[in-house]
Amino acid sequence: MRIVIVGAGAMGSLYAGMLARAGRDVWLLGRSPAHIAAIRSDGLTMRIPGRAEAWQAPVRATTDPSEPGVADIVVFLTKTYDLEEAARGAKPLFGPETIALPLSNGVGTADAVAAALGTVRTACGVSEVGGDIVAPGVMVMTENVALGTGYTRFGKVSADVPAETLRAFAAELEQSGLRAELVDDILGVVWTKVAMSGTMSSLSALTRLRMGRIADAPEGWELIETMIGEIDAVTSAAGISFDREATLRRARGVFLSVPNHVPSMAADLREGRRTENQALAGAVSREGARLGVPTPMCDAIHRMITLVEANPGASIW
């Protein structure tokens, strides 16, 4: 199975590195010349938090989408707002049976890829692992990768995606040290991830607080409960499976287990970079409006982040 990872940031590098270490047929396609050149020269260095050891992965990396050839599965690990552009640039990777699998945050990722590629077999999913690029060719992975506790969950979107191909990809991930689960109800899984990422990222970005401070404060937990309650109302109206109580329990456990974590949206907003606000709180707001479901908290959070994002460098502190 030929796998091409599109997006050579921390997530894409992690997946390519884990698969390459296990001897899988994988390529990494990115647009950072320095990072790609370092990997081509010396391989990808993968560090584990709190450990002196580092893993070396012989990743085949390129900035040229024609180099890997036609893939069996193309995994998109870009920011959500980059998906359409990334998909257009990845057209040489696609044959008639190639599957597009975006694992980016937010709602509508498969639609974004299909909008760029036209008729294409699509799946979508979510990821619980991650990391940071600390230098060209060097990344630090989240500890749950080394522990084997972070899952990648995915499922088909278009009916013509062969289940056996997705099962084979899940096996490739598992054999590479990445936990994987093929699910039937992928929309429910995606919306649960939106509830987790949307609350964590949005509230941290606006309050400038780390997650433990927010989740451990009564006022912060009330905000989380309200946002997740609005997502519950939207998914219920849309006929999408969503377990509000289970999501709240999981949110509290996760947020308090990583009290010092700074979500990517908070870091992006701090540095004046574009955020995934439109795919998280913005998606809840838009879907609520479409369905006639009030989402006042998510509406306000979406608008506030949009305002801050549109005015980089204008903060009064």
Protein backbone atom coordinates (compact mmCIF):
# COMPACT_ATOMS: atom_id res chain seq x y z
CA MET A 1 0.00 0.00 0.00
CA ARG A 2 1.45 3.35 -1.05
CA ILE A 3 0.64 6.08 1.46
CA VAL A 4 1.35 9.76 0.87
CA ILE A 5 1.08 12.22 3.76
CA VAL A 6 0.25 15.74 2.57
CA GLY A 7 1.39 18.38 5.03
CA ALA A 8 4.88 18.29 6.56
CA GLY A 9 4.08 20.06 9.79
CA ALA A 10 4.26 18.30 13.13
CA MET A 11 1.30 15.99 12.49
CA GLY A 12 2.27 14.99 8.98
CA SER A 13 5.89 14.47 9.96
CA LEU A 14 4.82 12.30 12.88
CA TYR A 15 2.68 9.98 10.76
CA ALA A 16 5.28 9.74 8.00
CA GLY A 17 8.01 9.08 10.54
CA MET A 18 6.14 6.33 12.37
CA LEU A 19 5.19 4.60 9.14
CA ALA A 20 8.71 4.91 7.70
CA ARG A 21 10.30 3.51 10.87
CA ALA A 22 8.14 0.41 10.39
CA GLY A 23 9.24 0.02 6.78
CA ARG A 24 5.96 1.08 5.18
CA ASP A 25 5.68 2.50 1.67
CA VAL A 26 5.17 6.13 2.65
CA TRP A 27 6.05 9.58 1.31
CA LEU A 28 5.81 12.98 2.97
CA LEU A 29 4.78 15.89 0.75
CA GLY A 30 5.39 19.37 2.17
CA ARG A 31 6.07 22.94 1.17
CA SER A 32 8.85 23.88 3.64
CA PRO A 33 12.10 23.59 1.66
CA ALA A 34 14.30 23.62 4.78
CA HIS A 35 12.36 20.90 6.61
CA ILE A 36 12.06 18.67 3.55
CA ALA A 37 15.74 19.15 2.64
CA ALA A 38 16.82 18.21 6.17
CA ILE A 39 14.72 15.04 6.08
CA ARG A 40 16.02 14.06 2.66
CA SER A 41 19.59 14.56 3.88
CA ASP A 42 19.50 13.05 7.37
CA GLY A 43 16.08 11.50 7.90
CA LEU A 44 13.52 12.67 10.44
CA THR A 45 14.60 12.91 14.07
CA MET A 46 11.71 12.13 16.44
CA ARG A 47 12.14 13.03 20.09
CA ILE A 48 10.04 11.87 23.04
CA PRO A 49 9.21 14.35 25.83
CA GLY A 50 11.26 13.77 28.97
CA ARG A 51 13.53 11.18 27.39
CA ALA A 52 17.08 11.47 26.14
CA GLU A 53 16.52 8.97 23.35
CA ALA A 54 15.44 9.95 19.87
CA TRP A 55 14.11 7.89 16.98
CA GLN A 56 15.47 8.20 13.46
CA ALA A 57 13.05 7.65 10.60
CA PRO A 58 14.15 7.19 6.97
CA VAL A 59 11.30 9.27 5.56
CA ARG A 60 11.07 9.84 1.83
CA ALA A 61 10.16 13.51 1.62
CA THR A 62 9.53 15.90 -1.25
CA THR A 63 8.04 19.22 -2.26
CA ASP A 64 7.19 17.83 -5.71
CA PRO A 65 3.76 16.12 -5.85
CA SER A 66 4.72 14.20 -8.98
CA GLU A 67 7.64 12.40 -7.31
CA PRO A 68 5.79 9.79 -5.18
CA GLY A 69 3.55 8.57 -8.02
CA VAL A 70 -0.07 7.51 -7.66
CA ALA A 71 -1.01 6.58 -4.10
CA ASP A 72 -3.48 4.10 -2.66
CA ILE A 73 -4.37 6.54 0.09
CA VAL A 74 -3.53 10.23 0.52
CA VAL A 75 -3.70 11.46 4.10
CA PHE A 76 -4.16 15.21 4.50
CA LEU A 77 -2.67 16.63 7.69
CA THR A 78 -2.76 20.35 6.95
CA LYS A 79 -4.57 23.15 8.72
CA THR A 80 -8.24 23.03 7.77
CA TYR A 81 -8.10 26.34 5.91
CA ASP A 82 -5.28 24.96 3.71
CA LEU A 83 -7.12 21.80 2.69
CA GLU A 84 -8.49 22.90 -0.68
CA GLU A 85 -5.18 24.38 -1.82
CA ALA A 86 -3.30 21.30 -0.59
CA ALA A 87 -5.73 19.00 -2.41
CA ARG A 88 -5.35 20.92 -5.68
CA GLY A 89 -1.58 20.64 -5.36
CA ALA A 90 -1.83 16.91 -4.69
CA LYS A 91 -3.69 16.00 -7.89
CA PRO A 92 -0.72 14.04 -9.37
CA LEU A 93 -1.06 11.60 -6.44
CA PHE A 94 -4.56 10.56 -7.45
CA GLY A 95 -5.69 7.75 -9.68
CA PRO A 96 -9.26 6.48 -10.09
CA GLU A 97 -9.06 4.29 -6.97
CA THR A 98 -7.04 6.57 -4.68
CA ILE A 99 -8.72 7.44 -1.37
CA ALA A 100 -8.48 10.93 0.13
CA LEU A 101 -8.40 10.88 3.93
CA PRO A 102 -8.25 14.29 5.67
CA LEU A 103 -7.47 14.12 9.39
CA SER A 104 -7.60 17.89 9.86
CA ASN A 105 -9.64 19.55 12.62
CA GLY A 106 -13.23 20.60 12.07
CA VAL A 107 -16.34 19.86 10.07
CA GLY A 108 -16.51 19.46 6.28
CA THR A 109 -12.95 18.34 5.64
CA ALA A 110 -13.94 15.67 3.10
CA ASP A 111 -16.14 18.23 1.31
CA ALA A 112 -13.20 20.64 1.07
CA VAL A 113 -11.00 17.98 -0.54
CA ALA A 114 -13.76 16.92 -2.93
CA ALA A 115 -14.36 20.56 -3.91
CA ALA A 116 -10.73 20.77 -5.04
CA LEU A 117 -10.42 17.36 -6.69
CA GLY A 118 -13.87 16.75 -8.15
CA THR A 119 -14.90 13.12 -8.30
CA VAL A 120 -12.79 11.38 -5.68
CA ARG A 121 -13.19 8.63 -3.11
CA THR A 122 -13.31 10.30 0.30
CA ALA A 123 -13.02 9.26 3.90
CA CYS A 124 -12.32 11.45 6.92
CA GLY A 125 -11.18 11.11 10.48
CA VAL A 126 -9.63 12.57 13.60
CA SER A 127 -6.33 12.20 15.38
CA GLU A 128 -5.41 12.27 19.06
CA VAL A 129 -1.63 12.44 18.56
CA GLY A 130 0.60 15.36 17.71
CA GLY A 131 3.85 17.13 18.32
CA ASP A 132 5.98 20.15 17.45
CA ILE A 133 8.62 20.88 14.84
CA VAL A 134 11.58 22.24 16.81
CA ALA A 135 14.09 22.51 13.95
CA PRO A 136 14.24 21.49 10.28
CA GLY A 137 14.13 17.72 10.25
CA VAL A 138 13.51 17.47 14.01
CA MET A 139 10.22 17.03 15.85
CA VAL A 140 9.04 16.33 19.39
CA MET A 141 6.05 13.99 19.57
CA THR A 142 3.33 13.99 22.20
CA GLU A 143 3.92 11.42 24.90
CA ASN A 144 0.79 9.45 24.01
CA VAL A 145 2.54 8.32 20.82
CA ALA A 146 5.28 6.58 22.77
CA LEU A 147 2.70 5.23 25.24
CA GLY A 148 0.45 3.95 22.46
CA THR A 149 -2.65 5.66 23.85
CA GLY A 150 -3.44 8.22 21.14
CA TYR A 151 -5.90 6.98 18.50
CA THR A 152 -6.54 7.77 14.86
CA ARG A 153 -10.21 7.16 14.05
CA PHE A 154 -11.59 7.31 10.54
CA GLY A 155 -14.35 6.04 8.29
CA LYS A 156 -15.65 6.36 4.78
CA VAL A 157 -17.64 9.34 3.54
CA SER A 158 -18.35 8.39 -0.07
CA ALA A 159 -20.04 5.05 -0.64
CA ASP A 160 -17.43 3.87 -3.17
CA VAL A 161 -14.60 3.68 -0.63
CA PRO A 162 -13.67 -0.02 -0.21
CA ALA A 163 -13.82 -1.02 3.44
CA GLU A 164 -10.94 -3.45 2.91
CA THR A 165 -8.63 -0.59 1.89
CA LEU A 166 -9.45 1.34 5.06
CA ARG A 167 -8.96 -1.81 7.14
CA ALA A 168 -5.58 -2.31 5.48
CA PHE A 169 -4.58 1.27 6.28
CA ALA A 170 -5.66 0.82 9.91
CA ALA A 171 -3.44 -2.25 10.06
CA GLU A 172 -0.51 -0.27 8.61
CA LEU A 173 -0.91 2.32 11.36
CA GLU A 174 -1.21 -0.28 14.10
CA GLN A 175 1.88 -2.11 12.90
CA SER A 176 3.72 1.23 12.92
CA GLY A 177 2.90 1.98 16.56
CA LEU A 178 -0.07 4.27 15.95
CA ARG A 179 -3.36 3.09 17.41
CA ALA A 180 -6.12 3.08 14.79
CA GLU A 181 -9.83 2.43 14.71
CA LEU A 182 -12.12 2.16 11.68
CA VAL A 183 -15.56 3.48 12.62
CA ASP A 184 -18.97 3.43 10.95
CA ASP A 185 -20.32 6.64 12.52
CA ILE A 186 -17.55 8.97 11.44
CA LEU A 187 -19.68 12.14 11.65
CA GLY A 188 -20.37 11.52 15.33
CA VAL A 189 -16.64 11.06 15.92
CA VAL A 190 -15.81 14.28 14.03
CA TRP A 191 -18.35 16.33 15.98
CA THR A 192 -17.05 14.92 19.27
CA LYS A 193 -13.55 16.07 18.26
CA VAL A 194 -15.00 19.50 17.39
CA ALA A 195 -16.50 19.65 20.88
CA MET A 196 -13.14 18.81 22.45
CA SER A 197 -10.90 20.92 20.21
CA GLY A 198 -13.37 23.76 19.83
CA THR A 199 -13.78 24.35 23.55
CA MET A 200 -10.15 23.78 24.46
CA SER A 201 -8.68 25.90 21.67
CA SER A 202 -11.24 28.71 21.64
CA LEU A 203 -11.36 29.34 25.36
CA SER A 204 -7.59 29.19 25.77
CA ALA A 205 -7.13 31.57 22.83
CA LEU A 206 -9.55 34.13 24.25
CA THR A 207 -8.63 33.92 27.94
CA ARG A 208 -4.89 33.41 27.35
CA LEU A 209 -5.00 30.71 30.00
CA ARG A 210 -3.70 27.16 29.88
CA MET A 211 -6.29 24.42 29.87
CA GLY A 212 -5.93 23.35 33.49
CA ARG A 213 -6.73 26.84 34.73
CA ILE A 214 -9.90 26.97 32.63
CA ALA A 215 -11.24 23.48 33.36
CA ASP A 216 -10.51 23.73 37.09
CA ALA A 217 -12.37 27.02 37.58
CA PRO A 218 -16.19 27.01 38.02
CA GLU A 219 -16.52 29.86 35.53
CA GLY A 220 -14.34 28.07 33.00
CA TRP A 221 -16.19 24.79 33.36
CA GLU A 222 -19.51 26.57 32.89
CA LEU A 223 -18.24 27.96 29.57
CA ILE A 224 -17.18 24.46 28.49
CA GLU A 225 -20.55 22.99 29.47
CA THR A 226 -22.41 25.70 27.58
CA MET A 227 -20.40 25.23 24.36
CA ILE A 228 -20.76 21.45 24.45
CA GLY A 229 -24.48 21.85 25.19
CA GLU A 230 -24.88 23.95 22.03
CA ILE A 231 -23.03 21.32 20.01
CA ASP A 232 -25.36 18.68 21.46
CA ALA A 233 -28.39 20.70 20.29
CA VAL A 234 -26.95 21.17 16.78
CA THR A 235 -26.00 17.52 16.30
CA SER A 236 -29.38 16.39 17.63
CA ALA A 237 -31.16 18.58 15.08
CA ALA A 238 -28.89 17.23 12.33
CA GLY A 239 -29.49 13.59 13.31
CA ILE A 240 -25.83 13.05 14.21
CA SER A 241 -24.91 10.80 17.13
CA PHE A 242 -23.37 12.80 19.99
CA ASP A 243 -23.13 11.85 23.67
CA ARG A 244 -23.11 15.07 25.68
CA GLU A 245 -22.43 13.54 29.09
CA ALA A 246 -19.67 11.26 27.84
CA THR A 247 -18.04 14.18 26.02
CA LEU A 248 -18.15 16.33 29.16
CA ARG A 249 -16.58 13.55 31.23
CA ARG A 250 -13.88 13.05 28.64
CA ALA A 251 -13.25 16.79 28.32
CA ARG A 252 -12.73 17.20 32.06
CA GLY A 253 -10.38 14.22 32.18
CA VAL A 254 -8.33 15.31 29.18
CA PHE A 255 -8.14 19.00 30.04
CA LEU A 256 -7.07 18.34 33.62
CA SER A 257 -4.56 15.68 32.56
CA VAL A 258 -2.63 18.26 30.49
CA PRO A 259 -3.02 21.37 32.67
CA ASN A 260 -0.08 23.22 31.12
CA HIS A 261 -1.03 22.54 27.51
CA VAL A 262 -1.26 25.53 25.17
CA PRO A 263 -3.66 24.66 22.30
CA SER A 264 -2.52 25.48 18.79
CA MET A 265 -5.22 28.12 18.30
CA ALA A 266 -3.99 30.02 21.35
CA ALA A 267 -0.42 29.88 20.04
CA ASP A 268 -1.55 30.93 16.56
CA LEU A 269 -3.55 33.87 17.87
CA ARG A 270 -0.67 34.96 20.09
CA GLU A 271 1.72 34.91 17.14
CA GLY A 272 -0.67 36.68 14.77
CA ARG A 273 -1.21 33.59 12.60
CA ARG A 274 -4.41 32.38 11.01
CA THR A 275 -6.45 30.01 13.20
CA GLU A 276 -8.90 27.15 12.65
CA ASN A 277 -11.69 29.16 14.28
CA GLN A 278 -13.91 28.91 11.17
CA ALA A 279 -13.78 25.09 11.28
CA LEU A 280 -14.51 24.86 15.02
CA ALA A 281 -16.71 27.45 16.76
CA GLY A 282 -17.51 28.89 13.33
CA ALA A 283 -18.76 25.52 12.09
CA VAL A 284 -21.07 25.17 15.10
CA SER A 285 -22.41 28.68 14.50
CA ARG A 286 -23.04 28.10 10.79
CA GLU A 287 -24.68 24.71 11.28
CA GLY A 288 -26.85 26.09 14.05
CA ALA A 289 -28.00 28.92 11.79
CA ARG A 290 -28.75 26.46 8.98
CA LEU A 291 -30.82 24.26 11.27
CA GLY A 292 -32.49 27.06 13.21
CA VAL A 293 -30.76 26.07 16.46
CA PRO A 294 -29.59 28.96 18.67
CA THR A 295 -25.86 28.83 19.51
CA PRO A 296 -25.23 32.15 21.28
CA MET A 297 -22.05 31.10 23.09
CA CYS A 298 -20.38 29.62 20.02
CA ASP A 299 -21.56 32.61 17.94
CA ALA A 300 -19.95 35.06 20.35
CA ILE A 301 -16.71 33.09 20.65
CA HIS A 302 -16.47 32.72 16.87
CA ARG A 303 -16.97 36.45 16.35
CA MET A 304 -14.49 37.46 19.06
CA ILE A 305 -11.73 35.23 17.70
CA THR A 306 -12.47 36.45 14.17
CA LEU A 307 -12.10 40.04 15.41
CA VAL A 308 -8.80 39.39 17.19
CA GLU A 309 -7.46 37.39 14.26
CA ALA A 310 -8.27 40.24 11.85
CA ASN A 311 -6.25 42.70 13.95
CA PRO A 312 -2.82 41.15 14.59
CA GLY A 313 -0.54 43.35 16.63
CA ALA A 314 -3.37 45.60 17.80
CA SER A 315 -3.76 44.10 21.28
CA ILE A 316 -3.49 46.59 24.15
CA TRP A 317 -1.22 44.19 26.06
